[in-house]
């Protein structure tokens, strides 16, 4: 019998949600027994090689490449889970949403104190993904089946969600697992 297949990706964010996946500690050995990973930075498989049962995506959509990756996950994953605040609400990257893109680029590449005067140039290569007008939470781009809030969600929340989805039972994430104060 084949194992369920999981894929993961990180879009606009800090990769902290993937660190929470790795923070399940010794349970990661059990996870490896339960599932196969397909497209994921965890196993460094960069493209889908088969349909996946569960896709975990962290980060928001800030550019055209993010949208393309997200749509590919929706197409290849039976269940899609938005993991973390950036995926659920846009998170810290969405702080730019109230600022025009031109102003953001000028601040980052022309006026920042960390940019040497000789390096002041706004990147403009056709191979770079196009920056979107704002950072979008995942559900505004594709249908999302489940949301795991938190910055990042704890390893226990990720473990509970994964095992529930793999066992076909409802997610049982208690309030104290989501409470941060």
Foldseek 3Di string as FASTA:
>chain_A
DAAAEEEEEEAADDCVQVVQQVVLPPCVVVVVVRYHYAHYPVVPHPAGPAAGAEYEYEAWHFFPVRLVVLVRNVVRYPAYEYFEDCQAPVPPQQVCLVPFPVVVQCVVQPVDPVHDNVRRDRDDDPPDTGTDRGTGHSCVRDPHHYYHYDPGQHSVQVVQVVVCSSVVHDRDQDPVSVDDD
